Amino acid sequence: MNRQWLLFWMLTAPLALPAAQAETAPSAVVVQPHEVIQSYRAEGVVEAVSQSTVSAQISGRIKEINFDIGDAVKKGQIILRIDERETAQALAGSQAQVMQSQAALANARANYERSRQLFEQKFISQAGLDKAQADYKLALAQAAASEAGASQSALAHGYSAVIAPYAGVVAARHVELGEMVTVGKPLMTGFDPAQMRATVNIPEQTLHSVGTHPEVQIEVSALGRWLKAASVVVQPISDSRTHSTQVRITLPANEAGIYPGMFVRAHFVLGKTSKLTIPASAVLHRSEVVAVYVVSDSGALRLRQIRLGEPTGQNEVEVLAGLNPGEKIALDPIKAGMARGKH
């Protein structure tokens, strides 16, 4: 005989608790059918709604790093600095050119005014006036160009301080202190933990049953938590290779413990049905044996093997075989096993 089944049969021998132990008997619940949601399950991953990588917009050496992986950053804070000496020199040169062009413009304006007065007094020809006017317009254009160059240099100088575009958490740091970077080099990756979403793929043949505005519940198995979707968007396009459609499910805001990359299950509500369910905490798992402690009317405890179906909600699981409606089971199998082991 299989040793596993021999052990199981030995453990299932009924045991009645003495009257003195009645007060310490484990809590029990009556097994009854419940109306549960009938759903289609799809597996997916969590991703941040706002996630981005900031890159260098100027070349230079990293001189200051203010945040690292896992740090919280507020919008507008400086996350790192690039050596600004080169851009500062370029800015100073541009400002000097602005001063030079402004001086040339003032001189050309004065010369044009004098030429116009002399032309009115018939001391210079039309050609002399036209040349003075052309010189003035040229100086005006050069002044505008130098001011634009100075603005561009000031903007580039500002890029030496890399600023967080929104509040979030640093997910990755791609550079080290003292490292030389060029334009386009990734610096840091961050995301906003306040708003997350789950992405799942649904086969084309199931999409009709799910509908375009489905009700969805998200099971986060790692946390033992169920979440109700804040919003659901069914993408209006299908993947030609997998013949499936992506669905984006926005999670409730500011959910603690949820971060990008987590595995989740999306349960799309199709309707309601009656199922025999029990608390998941009442189930005892021993190797490949799945069982519960059944409590008889006399208080005897018997370990009985059962077959489970899918989870039906928060700490609830469907029973396919092994239990009948009206039977009582121990809520805490560990306490039930300890009470049984004492007798």
C-alpha atoms as a PDB file:
ATOM      1  CA  MET A   1       0.000   0.000   0.000  1.00  0.00           C
ATOM      2  CA  ASN A   2       1.203   3.534  -0.764  1.00  0.00           C
ATOM      3  CA  ARG A   3       2.801   4.964   2.385  1.00  0.00           C
ATOM      4  CA  GLN A   4       1.258   8.381   1.754  1.00  0.00           C
ATOM      5  CA  TRP A   5      -2.255   6.950   1.717  1.00  0.00           C
ATOM      6  CA  LEU A   6      -1.502   4.751   4.744  1.00  0.00           C
ATOM      7  CA  LEU A   7      -0.470   7.839   6.682  1.00  0.00           C
ATOM      8  CA  PHE A   8      -3.576   9.682   5.504  1.00  0.00           C
ATOM      9  CA  TRP A   9      -5.881   6.851   6.632  1.00  0.00           C
ATOM     10  CA  MET A  10      -4.166   6.708  10.010  1.00  0.00           C
ATOM     11  CA  LEU A  11      -4.727  10.436  10.472  1.00  0.00           C
ATOM     12  CA  THR A  12      -8.394  10.266   9.493  1.00  0.00           C
ATOM     13  CA  ALA A  13      -9.433   8.071  12.440  1.00  0.00           C
ATOM     14  CA  PRO A  14     -12.197   9.982  14.283  1.00  0.00           C
ATOM     15  CA  LEU A  15     -11.483  11.534  17.646  1.00  0.00           C
ATOM     16  CA  ALA A  16     -14.051  12.835  20.151  1.00  0.00           C
ATOM     17  CA  LEU A  17     -12.840  15.553  22.462  1.00  0.00           C
ATOM     18  CA  PRO A  18     -13.533  15.083  26.176  1.00  0.00           C
ATOM     19  CA  ALA A  19     -15.975  17.434  27.885  1.00  0.00           C
ATOM     20  CA  ALA A  20     -13.082  19.111  29.696  1.00  0.00           C
ATOM     21  CA  GLN A  21     -11.597  20.061  26.326  1.00  0.00           C
ATOM     22  CA  ALA A  22     -14.843  21.365  24.838  1.00  0.00           C
ATOM     23  CA  GLU A  23     -13.986  24.952  25.592  1.00  0.00           C
ATOM     24  CA  THR A  24     -10.659  24.629  23.744  1.00  0.00           C
ATOM     25  CA  ALA A  25     -12.139  22.861  20.717  1.00  0.00           C
ATOM     26  CA  PRO A  26     -11.187  24.566  17.433  1.00  0.00           C
ATOM     27  CA  SER A  27     -13.701  26.949  15.860  1.00  0.00           C
ATOM     28  CA  ALA A  28     -15.832  25.427  13.113  1.00  0.00           C
ATOM     29  CA  VAL A  29     -17.971  26.612  10.245  1.00  0.00           C
ATOM     30  CA  VAL A  30     -20.878  24.971   8.442  1.00  0.00           C
ATOM     31  CA  VAL A  31     -20.217  24.181   4.776  1.00  0.00           C
ATOM     32  CA  GLN A  32     -22.885  25.821   2.638  1.00  0.00           C
ATOM     33  CA  PRO A  33     -23.345  26.826  -0.995  1.00  0.00           C
ATOM     34  CA  HIS A  34     -22.778  30.502  -1.705  1.00  0.00           C
ATOM     35  CA  GLU A  35     -23.573  32.714  -4.650  1.00  0.00           C
ATOM     36  CA  VAL A  36     -20.225  33.465  -6.224  1.00  0.00           C
ATOM     37  CA  ILE A  37     -19.054  35.311  -9.270  1.00  0.00           C
ATOM     38  CA  GLN A  38     -18.547  33.255 -12.407  1.00  0.00           C
ATOM     39  CA  SER A  39     -15.473  34.606 -14.104  1.00  0.00           C
ATOM     40  CA  TYR A  40     -12.843  34.160 -16.780  1.00  0.00           C
ATOM     41  CA  ARG A  41      -9.296  34.202 -15.428  1.00  0.00           C
ATOM     42  CA  ALA A  42      -6.322  35.715 -17.235  1.00  0.00           C
ATOM     43  CA  GLU A  43      -2.784  36.105 -15.963  1.00  0.00           C
ATOM     44  CA  GLY A  44      -0.804  39.299 -16.343  1.00  0.00           C
ATOM     45  CA  VAL A  45       1.742  41.659 -14.832  1.00  0.00           C
ATOM     46  CA  VAL A  46       1.625  45.007 -13.081  1.00  0.00           C
ATOM     47  CA  GLU A  47       3.106  48.080 -14.711  1.00  0.00           C
ATOM     48  CA  ALA A  48       3.244  51.731 -13.742  1.00  0.00           C
ATOM     49  CA  VAL A  49       0.987  54.141 -15.587  1.00  0.00           C
ATOM     50  CA  SER A  50       3.746  56.753 -15.339  1.00  0.00           C
ATOM     51  CA  GLN A  51       7.209  55.289 -15.856  1.00  0.00           C
ATOM     52  CA  SER A  52      10.047  56.960 -17.713  1.00  0.00           C
ATOM     53  CA  THR A  53      13.803  57.126 -18.140  1.00  0.00           C
ATOM     54  CA  VAL A  54      15.468  60.526 -18.015  1.00  0.00           C
ATOM     55  CA  SER A  55      18.468  60.937 -20.334  1.00  0.00           C
ATOM     56  CA  ALA A  56      21.327  63.397 -20.615  1.00  0.00           C
ATOM     57  CA  GLN A  57      20.599  66.436 -22.795  1.00  0.00           C
ATOM     58  CA  ILE A  58      24.183  67.699 -22.668  1.00  0.00           C
ATOM     59  CA  SER A  59      27.596  66.048 -22.600  1.00  0.00           C
ATOM     60  CA  GLY A  60      29.692  66.152 -19.458  1.00  0.00           C
ATOM     61  CA  ARG A  61      30.866  64.353 -16.358  1.00  0.00           C
ATOM     62  CA  ILE A  62      28.499  63.314 -13.551  1.00  0.00           C
ATOM     63  CA  LYS A  63      29.436  65.494 -10.567  1.00  0.00           C
ATOM     64  CA  GLU A  64      26.561  64.821  -8.155  1.00  0.00           C
ATOM     65  CA  ILE A  65      24.028  62.022  -7.603  1.00  0.00           C
ATOM     66  CA  ASN A  66      21.309  62.866  -5.083  1.00  0.00           C
ATOM     67  CA  PHE A  67      19.093  59.759  -5.233  1.00  0.00           C
ATOM     68  CA  ASP A  68      19.501  56.013  -5.594  1.00  0.00           C
ATOM     69  CA  ILE A  69      17.312  52.973  -6.292  1.00  0.00           C
ATOM     70  CA  GLY A  70      14.259  52.875  -4.045  1.00  0.00           C
ATOM     71  CA  ASP A  71      14.416  56.526  -3.034  1.00  0.00           C
ATOM     72  CA  ALA A  72      11.266  58.640  -3.172  1.00  0.00           C
ATOM     73  CA  VAL A  73      11.584  61.775  -5.291  1.00  0.00           C
ATOM     74  CA  LYS A  74       9.325  64.820  -5.383  1.00  0.00           C
ATOM     75  CA  LYS A  75       8.434  66.592  -8.596  1.00  0.00           C
ATOM     76  CA  GLY A  76      11.015  69.256  -9.446  1.00  0.00           C
ATOM     77  CA  GLN A  77      13.800  67.873  -7.254  1.00  0.00           C
ATOM     78  CA  ILE A  78      17.297  67.657  -8.744  1.00  0.00           C
ATOM     79  CA  ILE A  79      18.150  63.965  -9.031  1.00  0.00           C
ATOM     80  CA  LEU A  80      21.706  64.491 -10.342  1.00  0.00           C
ATOM     81  CA  ARG A  81      24.025  67.134 -11.785  1.00  0.00           C
ATOM     82  CA  ILE A  82      26.342  67.139 -14.794  1.00  0.00           C
ATOM     83  CA  ASP A  83      29.500  69.273 -14.759  1.00  0.00           C
ATOM     84  CA  GLU A  84      28.298  72.659 -16.033  1.00  0.00           C
ATOM     85  CA  ARG A  85      31.652  74.386 -16.651  1.00  0.00           C
ATOM     86  CA  GLU A  86      31.570  73.828 -20.412  1.00  0.00           C
ATOM     87  CA  THR A  87      27.988  75.036 -20.745  1.00  0.00           C
ATOM     88  CA  ALA A  88      28.756  77.978 -18.454  1.00  0.00           C
ATOM     89  CA  GLN A  89      31.567  79.078 -20.771  1.00  0.00           C
ATOM     90  CA  ALA A  90      29.315  78.710 -23.790  1.00  0.00           C
ATOM     91  CA  LEU A  91      26.675  80.815 -22.024  1.00  0.00           C
ATOM     92  CA  ALA A  92      29.217  83.522 -21.181  1.00  0.00           C
ATOM     93  CA  GLY A  93      30.358  83.613 -24.830  1.00  0.00           C
ATOM     94  CA  SER A  94      26.775  83.928 -26.034  1.00  0.00           C
ATOM     95  CA  GLN A  95      26.067  86.760 -23.609  1.00  0.00           C
ATOM     96  CA  ALA A  96      29.195  88.584 -24.855  1.00  0.00           C
ATOM     97  CA  GLN A  97      27.946  88.222 -28.427  1.00  0.00           C
ATOM     98  CA  VAL A  98      24.613  89.698 -27.365  1.00  0.00           C
ATOM     99  CA  MET A  99      26.376  92.747 -25.919  1.00  0.00           C
ATOM    100  CA  GLN A 100      28.452  93.115 -29.106  1.00  0.00           C
ATOM    101  CA  SER A 101      25.418  92.856 -31.370  1.00  0.00           C
ATOM    102  CA  GLN A 102      23.477  95.324 -29.211  1.00  0.00           C
ATOM    103  CA  ALA A 103      26.315  97.840 -29.554  1.00  0.00           C
ATOM    104  CA  ALA A 104      26.440  97.325 -33.322  1.00  0.00           C
ATOM    105  CA  LEU A 105      22.670  97.725 -33.488  1.00  0.00           C
ATOM    106  CA  ALA A 106      22.782 101.004 -31.571  1.00  0.00           C
ATOM    107  CA  ASN A 107      25.466 102.330 -33.922  1.00  0.00           C
ATOM    108  CA  ALA A 108      23.539 101.266 -37.040  1.00  0.00           C
ATOM    109  CA  ARG A 109      20.332 102.828 -35.701  1.00  0.00           C
ATOM    110  CA  ALA A 110      22.101 106.133 -35.025  1.00  0.00           C
ATOM    111  CA  ASN A 111      23.742 106.080 -38.475  1.00  0.00           C
ATOM    112  CA  TYR A 112      20.379 105.411 -40.126  1.00  0.00           C
ATOM    113  CA  GLU A 113      18.750 108.325 -38.275  1.00  0.00           C
ATOM    114  CA  ARG A 114      21.545 110.691 -39.341  1.00  0.00           C
ATOM    115  CA  SER A 115      21.356 109.462 -42.937  1.00  0.00           C
ATOM    116  CA  ARG A 116      17.612 110.090 -43.050  1.00  0.00           C
ATOM    117  CA  GLN A 117      18.052 113.646 -41.805  1.00  0.00           C
ATOM    118  CA  LEU A 118      20.828 114.278 -44.330  1.00  0.00           C
ATOM    119  CA  PHE A 119      18.660 112.852 -47.100  1.00  0.00           C
ATOM    120  CA  GLU A 120      15.832 115.232 -46.167  1.00  0.00           C
ATOM    121  CA  GLN A 121      18.320 118.119 -46.391  1.00  0.00           C
ATOM    122  CA  LYS A 122      19.528 116.874 -49.812  1.00  0.00           C
ATOM    123  CA  PHE A 123      23.068 116.217 -48.551  1.00  0.00           C
ATOM    124  CA  ILE A 124      23.123 112.471 -49.492  1.00  0.00           C
ATOM    125  CA  SER A 125      21.591 110.475 -52.270  1.00  0.00           C
ATOM    126  CA  GLN A 126      18.885 107.823 -52.116  1.00  0.00           C
ATOM    127  CA  ALA A 127      21.588 105.172 -52.425  1.00  0.00           C
ATOM    128  CA  GLY A 128      23.308 106.431 -49.268  1.00  0.00           C
ATOM    129  CA  LEU A 129      20.032 106.277 -47.324  1.00  0.00           C
ATOM    130  CA  ASP A 130      19.273 102.804 -48.621  1.00  0.00           C
ATOM    131  CA  LYS A 131      22.687 101.535 -47.504  1.00  0.00           C
ATOM    132  CA  ALA A 132      22.239 102.998 -44.015  1.00  0.00           C
ATOM    133  CA  GLN A 133      18.796 101.383 -43.773  1.00  0.00           C
ATOM    134  CA  ALA A 134      20.172  97.994 -44.929  1.00  0.00           C
ATOM    135  CA  ASP A 135      22.984  98.192 -42.361  1.00  0.00           C
ATOM    136  CA  TYR A 136      20.409  98.924 -39.641  1.00  0.00           C
ATOM    137  CA  LYS A 137      18.218  95.948 -40.614  1.00  0.00           C
ATOM    138  CA  LEU A 138      21.283  93.676 -40.727  1.00  0.00           C
ATOM    139  CA  ALA A 139      22.343  94.780 -37.245  1.00  0.00           C
ATOM    140  CA  LEU A 140      18.783  94.214 -36.024  1.00  0.00           C
ATOM    141  CA  ALA A 141      18.798  90.625 -37.373  1.00  0.00           C
ATOM    142  CA  GLN A 142      22.231  89.908 -35.909  1.00  0.00           C
ATOM    143  CA  ALA A 143      21.066  91.149 -32.493  1.00  0.00           C
ATOM    144  CA  ALA A 144      18.020  88.863 -32.640  1.00  0.00           C
ATOM    145  CA  ALA A 145      20.218  85.907 -33.657  1.00  0.00           C
ATOM    146  CA  SER A 146      22.663  86.517 -30.820  1.00  0.00           C
ATOM    147  CA  GLU A 147      19.812  86.737 -28.297  1.00  0.00           C
ATOM    148  CA  ALA A 148      18.415  83.434 -29.567  1.00  0.00           C
ATOM    149  CA  GLY A 149      21.854  81.851 -29.249  1.00  0.00           C
ATOM    150  CA  ALA A 150      22.146  83.128 -25.681  1.00  0.00           C
ATOM    151  CA  SER A 151      18.734  81.680 -24.825  1.00  0.00           C
ATOM    152  CA  GLN A 152      19.778  78.319 -26.262  1.00  0.00           C
ATOM    153  CA  SER A 153      23.029  78.405 -24.263  1.00  0.00           C
ATOM    154  CA  ALA A 154      21.088  79.259 -21.097  1.00  0.00           C
ATOM    155  CA  LEU A 155      18.747  76.349 -21.762  1.00  0.00           C
ATOM    156  CA  ALA A 156      21.665  73.973 -22.284  1.00  0.00           C
ATOM    157  CA  HIS A 157      23.255  75.262 -19.095  1.00  0.00           C
ATOM    158  CA  GLY A 158      20.036  74.470 -17.258  1.00  0.00           C
ATOM    159  CA  TYR A 159      20.212  70.867 -18.468  1.00  0.00           C
ATOM    160  CA  SER A 160      23.220  70.341 -16.203  1.00  0.00           C
ATOM    161  CA  ALA A 161      20.719  69.910 -13.355  1.00  0.00           C
ATOM    162  CA  VAL A 162      18.532  66.866 -14.136  1.00  0.00           C
ATOM    163  CA  ILE A 163      15.095  67.459 -12.597  1.00  0.00           C
ATOM    164  CA  ALA A 164      12.422  64.864 -11.752  1.00  0.00           C
ATOM    165  CA  PRO A 165       9.471  65.328 -14.136  1.00  0.00           C
ATOM    166  CA  TYR A 166       6.980  63.964 -11.561  1.00  0.00           C
ATOM    167  CA  ALA A 167       6.901  62.555  -8.050  1.00  0.00           C
ATOM    168  CA  GLY A 168       7.827  58.896  -7.842  1.00  0.00           C
ATOM    169  CA  VAL A 169      10.362  56.252  -6.880  1.00  0.00           C
ATOM    170  CA  VAL A 170      13.744  55.585  -8.481  1.00  0.00           C
ATOM    171  CA  ALA A 171      13.631  52.148 -10.125  1.00  0.00           C
ATOM    172  CA  ALA A 172      17.096  52.063 -11.726  1.00  0.00           C
ATOM    173  CA  ARG A 173      20.277  54.152 -11.810  1.00  0.00           C
ATOM    174  CA  HIS A 174      22.265  53.842 -15.038  1.00  0.00           C
ATOM    175  CA  VAL A 175      25.332  55.999 -14.258  1.00  0.00           C
ATOM    176  CA  GLU A 176      28.012  56.329 -11.608  1.00  0.00           C
ATOM    177  CA  LEU A 177      29.591  59.378 -10.012  1.00  0.00           C
ATOM    178  CA  GLY A 178      32.380  60.744 -12.234  1.00  0.00           C
ATOM    179  CA  GLU A 179      31.163  58.926 -15.340  1.00  0.00           C
ATOM    180  CA  MET A 180      31.299  60.774 -18.672  1.00  0.00           C
ATOM    181  CA  VAL A 181      27.935  60.954 -20.422  1.00  0.00           C
ATOM    182  CA  THR A 182      26.845  62.111 -23.852  1.00  0.00           C
ATOM    183  CA  VAL A 183      23.552  63.408 -25.188  1.00  0.00           C
ATOM    184  CA  GLY A 184      20.905  60.660 -25.034  1.00  0.00           C
ATOM    185  CA  LYS A 185      22.658  58.587 -22.358  1.00  0.00           C
ATOM    186  CA  PRO A 186      20.041  57.083 -19.933  1.00  0.00           C
ATOM    187  CA  LEU A 187      20.567  58.396 -16.410  1.00  0.00           C
ATOM    188  CA  MET A 188      17.756  57.170 -14.155  1.00  0.00           C
ATOM    189  CA  THR A 189      14.478  55.308 -14.457  1.00  0.00           C
ATOM    190  CA  GLY A 190      11.562  56.076 -12.159  1.00  0.00           C
ATOM    191  CA  PHE A 191       7.858  55.420 -11.784  1.00  0.00           C
ATOM    192  CA  ASP A 192       4.896  56.844  -9.901  1.00  0.00           C
ATOM    193  CA  PRO A 193       3.722  54.229  -7.342  1.00  0.00           C
ATOM    194  CA  ALA A 194       0.431  56.034  -6.793  1.00  0.00           C
ATOM    195  CA  GLN A 195      -1.092  54.708 -10.016  1.00  0.00           C
ATOM    196  CA  MET A 196      -0.585  51.151 -11.278  1.00  0.00           C
ATOM    197  CA  ARG A 197      -2.270  49.021 -13.882  1.00  0.00           C
ATOM    198  CA  ALA A 198      -2.301  45.364 -14.877  1.00  0.00           C
ATOM    199  CA  THR A 199      -2.026  44.208 -18.482  1.00  0.00           C
ATOM    200  CA  VAL A 200      -3.456  40.867 -19.585  1.00  0.00           C
ATOM    201  CA  ASN A 201      -4.164  39.233 -22.935  1.00  0.00           C
ATOM    202  CA  ILE A 202      -7.538  37.697 -23.773  1.00  0.00           C
ATOM    203  CA  PRO A 203      -8.103  35.258 -26.655  1.00  0.00           C
ATOM    204  CA  GLU A 204     -10.292  36.535 -29.460  1.00  0.00           C
ATOM    205  CA  GLN A 205     -12.925  33.832 -28.895  1.00  0.00           C
ATOM    206  CA  THR A 206     -13.329  34.909 -25.241  1.00  0.00           C
ATOM    207  CA  LEU A 207     -13.475  38.632 -25.916  1.00  0.00           C
ATOM    208  CA  HIS A 208     -17.184  38.528 -26.802  1.00  0.00           C
ATOM    209  CA  SER A 209     -18.069  36.960 -23.436  1.00  0.00           C
ATOM    210  CA  VAL A 210     -15.975  39.478 -21.551  1.00  0.00           C
ATOM    211  CA  GLY A 211     -17.434  42.501 -23.339  1.00  0.00           C
ATOM    212  CA  THR A 212     -16.030  45.946 -24.005  1.00  0.00           C
ATOM    213  CA  HIS A 213     -16.739  47.300 -20.482  1.00  0.00           C
ATOM    214  CA  PRO A 214     -16.148  44.324 -18.190  1.00  0.00           C
ATOM    215  CA  GLU A 215     -16.175  44.198 -14.408  1.00  0.00           C
ATOM    216  CA  VAL A 216     -12.804  42.929 -13.220  1.00  0.00           C
ATOM    217  CA  GLN A 217     -11.320  41.809  -9.919  1.00  0.00           C
ATOM    218  CA  ILE A 218      -7.551  41.526  -9.533  1.00  0.00           C
ATOM    219  CA  GLU A 219      -6.040  38.730  -7.444  1.00  0.00           C
ATOM    220  CA  VAL A 220      -2.576  39.578  -6.089  1.00  0.00           C
ATOM    221  CA  SER A 221      -1.514  36.138  -4.908  1.00  0.00           C
ATOM    222  CA  ALA A 222       1.816  37.338  -3.489  1.00  0.00           C
ATOM    223  CA  LEU A 223      -0.056  39.587  -1.029  1.00  0.00           C
ATOM    224  CA  GLY A 224      -3.158  37.430  -0.607  1.00  0.00           C
ATOM    225  CA  ARG A 225      -5.232  40.414  -1.662  1.00  0.00           C
ATOM    226  CA  TRP A 226      -8.122  41.031  -4.056  1.00  0.00           C
ATOM    227  CA  LEU A 227      -8.613  44.429  -5.683  1.00  0.00           C
ATOM    228  CA  LYS A 228     -11.491  45.879  -7.666  1.00  0.00           C
ATOM    229  CA  ALA A 229     -10.447  47.518 -10.920  1.00  0.00           C
ATOM    230  CA  ALA A 230     -10.784  51.301 -11.048  1.00  0.00           C
ATOM    231  CA  SER A 231     -11.168  51.267 -14.835  1.00  0.00           C
ATOM    232  CA  VAL A 232     -10.753  48.826 -17.723  1.00  0.00           C
ATOM    233  CA  VAL A 233      -9.667  49.565 -21.286  1.00  0.00           C
ATOM    234  CA  VAL A 234      -9.927  46.873 -23.965  1.00  0.00           C
ATOM    235  CA  GLN A 235      -7.462  47.718 -26.727  1.00  0.00           C
ATOM    236  CA  PRO A 236      -9.222  48.017 -30.130  1.00  0.00           C
ATOM    237  CA  ILE A 237      -6.602  45.871 -31.878  1.00  0.00           C
ATOM    238  CA  SER A 238      -5.673  42.203 -31.892  1.00  0.00           C
ATOM    239  CA  ASP A 239      -2.221  40.604 -32.088  1.00  0.00           C
ATOM    240  CA  SER A 240      -2.001  38.769 -35.416  1.00  0.00           C
ATOM    241  CA  ARG A 241       0.500  36.251 -34.023  1.00  0.00           C
ATOM    242  CA  THR A 242      -1.225  35.237 -30.785  1.00  0.00           C
ATOM    243  CA  HIS A 243      -4.802  36.174 -31.846  1.00  0.00           C
ATOM    244  CA  SER A 244      -5.340  37.869 -28.517  1.00  0.00           C
ATOM    245  CA  THR A 245      -6.292  41.347 -27.354  1.00  0.00           C
ATOM    246  CA  GLN A 246      -4.567  43.303 -24.614  1.00  0.00           C
ATOM    247  CA  VAL A 247      -6.628  44.649 -21.739  1.00  0.00           C
ATOM    248  CA  ARG A 248      -5.324  47.382 -19.440  1.00  0.00           C
ATOM    249  CA  ILE A 249      -6.796  47.346 -15.941  1.00  0.00           C
ATOM    250  CA  THR A 250      -6.190  50.396 -13.768  1.00  0.00           C
ATOM    251  CA  LEU A 251      -5.768  49.467 -10.100  1.00  0.00           C
ATOM    252  CA  PRO A 252      -7.032  51.556  -7.164  1.00  0.00           C
ATOM    253  CA  ALA A 253      -4.734  54.470  -6.382  1.00  0.00           C
ATOM    254  CA  ASN A 254      -2.039  54.273  -3.712  1.00  0.00           C
ATOM    255  CA  GLU A 255      -2.229  50.520  -3.144  1.00  0.00           C
ATOM    256  CA  ALA A 256       0.581  49.593  -0.749  1.00  0.00           C
ATOM    257  CA  GLY A 257       2.865  46.731  -1.747  1.00  0.00           C
ATOM    258  CA  ILE A 258       2.023  46.859  -5.468  1.00  0.00           C
ATOM    259  CA  TYR A 259       4.974  47.491  -7.762  1.00  0.00           C
ATOM    260  CA  PRO A 260       5.816  46.989 -11.473  1.00  0.00           C
ATOM    261  CA  GLY A 261       6.509  43.448 -12.613  1.00  0.00           C
ATOM    262  CA  MET A 262       4.294  41.717 -10.046  1.00  0.00           C
ATOM    263  CA  PHE A 263       2.291  38.679 -11.183  1.00  0.00           C
ATOM    264  CA  VAL A 264      -1.481  39.044 -10.925  1.00  0.00           C
ATOM    265  CA  ARG A 265      -4.623  37.244 -12.050  1.00  0.00           C
ATOM    266  CA  ALA A 266      -7.507  39.176 -13.555  1.00  0.00           C
ATOM    267  CA  HIS A 267     -10.961  37.680 -12.991  1.00  0.00           C
ATOM    268  CA  PHE A 268     -13.439  39.013 -15.560  1.00  0.00           C
ATOM    269  CA  VAL A 269     -16.996  38.776 -14.244  1.00  0.00           C
ATOM    270  CA  LEU A 270     -19.269  36.805 -16.578  1.00  0.00           C
ATOM    271  CA  GLY A 271     -22.181  36.207 -14.214  1.00  0.00           C
ATOM    272  CA  LYS A 272     -23.095  34.607 -10.901  1.00  0.00           C
ATOM    273  CA  THR A 273     -23.621  30.990  -9.857  1.00  0.00           C
ATOM    274  CA  SER A 274     -23.979  28.892  -6.689  1.00  0.00           C
ATOM    275  CA  LYS A 275     -20.911  26.972  -5.509  1.00  0.00           C
ATOM    276  CA  LEU A 276     -19.890  25.066  -2.410  1.00  0.00           C
ATOM    277  CA  THR A 277     -17.139  27.185  -0.873  1.00  0.00           C
ATOM    278  CA  ILE A 278     -15.026  27.115   2.281  1.00  0.00           C
ATOM    279  CA  PRO A 279     -12.445  29.476   3.772  1.00  0.00           C
ATOM    280  CA  ALA A 280      -9.052  28.908   2.175  1.00  0.00           C
ATOM    281  CA  SER A 281      -7.450  29.097   5.639  1.00  0.00           C
ATOM    282  CA  ALA A 282      -9.351  25.942   6.665  1.00  0.00           C
ATOM    283  CA  VAL A 283      -7.542  23.821   4.059  1.00  0.00           C
ATOM    284  CA  LEU A 284      -4.591  21.690   5.169  1.00  0.00           C
ATOM    285  CA  HIS A 285      -1.869  20.931   2.629  1.00  0.00           C
ATOM    286  CA  ARG A 286       0.387  17.942   3.373  1.00  0.00           C
ATOM    287  CA  SER A 287       2.602  17.014   0.442  1.00  0.00           C
ATOM    288  CA  GLU A 288       0.110  16.239  -2.340  1.00  0.00           C
ATOM    289  CA  VAL A 289      -2.779  15.690   0.063  1.00  0.00           C
ATOM    290  CA  VAL A 290      -5.383  18.470   0.351  1.00  0.00           C
ATOM    291  CA  ALA A 291      -7.722  17.978   3.294  1.00  0.00           C
ATOM    292  CA  VAL A 292      -9.858  19.579   6.008  1.00  0.00           C
ATOM    293  CA  TYR A 293     -10.794  18.552   9.539  1.00  0.00           C
ATOM    294  CA  VAL A 294     -14.466  17.585   9.602  1.00  0.00           C
ATOM    295  CA  VAL A 295     -16.218  18.077  12.959  1.00  0.00           C
ATOM    296  CA  SER A 296     -18.997  15.589  13.757  1.00  0.00           C
ATOM    297  CA  ASP A 297     -22.035  16.336  15.923  1.00  0.00           C
ATOM    298  CA  SER A 298     -20.272  14.681  18.863  1.00  0.00           C
ATOM    299  CA  GLY A 299     -17.197  16.863  18.382  1.00  0.00           C
ATOM    300  CA  ALA A 300     -15.036  14.170  16.783  1.00  0.00           C
ATOM    301  CA  LEU A 301     -12.365  15.387  14.376  1.00  0.00           C
ATOM    302  CA  ARG A 302     -11.695  13.506  11.168  1.00  0.00           C
ATOM    303  CA  LEU A 303      -9.179  14.498   8.519  1.00  0.00           C
ATOM    304  CA  ARG A 304     -10.840  14.198   5.116  1.00  0.00           C
ATOM    305  CA  GLN A 305      -9.285  14.587   1.712  1.00  0.00           C
ATOM    306  CA  ILE A 306     -11.048  17.039  -0.625  1.00  0.00           C
ATOM    307  CA  ARG A 307     -10.662  18.320  -4.165  1.00  0.00           C
ATOM    308  CA  LEU A 308     -10.588  22.065  -4.687  1.00  0.00           C
ATOM    309  CA  GLY A 309     -11.553  24.264  -7.595  1.00  0.00           C
ATOM    310  CA  GLU A 310     -10.695  27.885  -8.276  1.00  0.00           C
ATOM    311  CA  PRO A 311     -10.522  30.649  -5.672  1.00  0.00           C
ATOM    312  CA  THR A 312     -13.862  32.459  -5.586  1.00  0.00           C
ATOM    313  CA  GLY A 313     -12.920  35.587  -3.668  1.00  0.00           C
ATOM    314  CA  GLN A 314     -11.105  36.921  -0.642  1.00  0.00           C
ATOM    315  CA  ASN A 315      -9.972  33.822   1.320  1.00  0.00           C
ATOM    316  CA  GLU A 316     -12.642  31.625  -0.288  1.00  0.00           C
ATOM    317  CA  VAL A 317     -12.133  28.537  -2.439  1.00  0.00           C
ATOM    318  CA  GLU A 318     -14.520  26.206  -4.267  1.00  0.00           C
ATOM    319  CA  VAL A 319     -14.892  22.574  -3.145  1.00  0.00           C
ATOM    320  CA  LEU A 320     -15.431  20.138  -6.018  1.00  0.00           C
ATOM    321  CA  ALA A 321     -15.525  16.878  -4.036  1.00  0.00           C
ATOM    322  CA  GLY A 322     -15.117  15.530  -0.491  1.00  0.00           C
ATOM    323  CA  LEU A 323     -17.634  17.672   1.416  1.00  0.00           C
ATOM    324  CA  ASN A 324     -21.404  17.916   1.567  1.00  0.00           C
ATOM    325  CA  PRO A 325     -23.570  20.912   2.450  1.00  0.00           C
ATOM    326  CA  GLY A 326     -24.358  21.038   6.173  1.00  0.00           C
ATOM    327  CA  GLU A 327     -21.114  19.443   7.347  1.00  0.00           C
ATOM    328  CA  LYS A 328     -18.887  21.344   9.766  1.00  0.00           C
ATOM    329  CA  ILE A 329     -15.170  21.862   9.312  1.00  0.00           C
ATOM    330  CA  ALA A 330     -12.494  23.336  11.572  1.00  0.00           C
ATOM    331  CA  LEU A 331     -11.507  26.869  10.651  1.00  0.00           C
ATOM    332  CA  ASP A 332      -7.927  26.432  11.858  1.00  0.00           C
ATOM    333  CA  PRO A 333      -6.471  23.070  10.709  1.00  0.00           C
ATOM    334  CA  ILE A 334      -3.287  23.572  12.736  1.00  0.00           C
ATOM    335  CA  LYS A 335      -5.162  23.979  16.016  1.00  0.00           C
ATOM    336  CA  ALA A 336      -7.421  21.090  15.056  1.00  0.00           C
ATOM    337  CA  GLY A 337      -4.404  18.887  14.378  1.00  0.00           C
ATOM    338  CA  MET A 338      -2.836  19.870  17.723  1.00  0.00           C
ATOM    339  CA  ALA A 339      -6.069  19.132  19.574  1.00  0.00           C
ATOM    340  CA  ARG A 340      -6.317  15.797  17.813  1.00  0.00           C
ATOM    341  CA  GLY A 341      -2.712  14.971  18.569  1.00  0.00           C
ATOM    342  CA  LYS A 342      -3.252  15.342  22.320  1.00  0.00           C
ATOM    343  CA  HIS A 343      -5.703  12.444  22.393  1.00  0.00           C
END
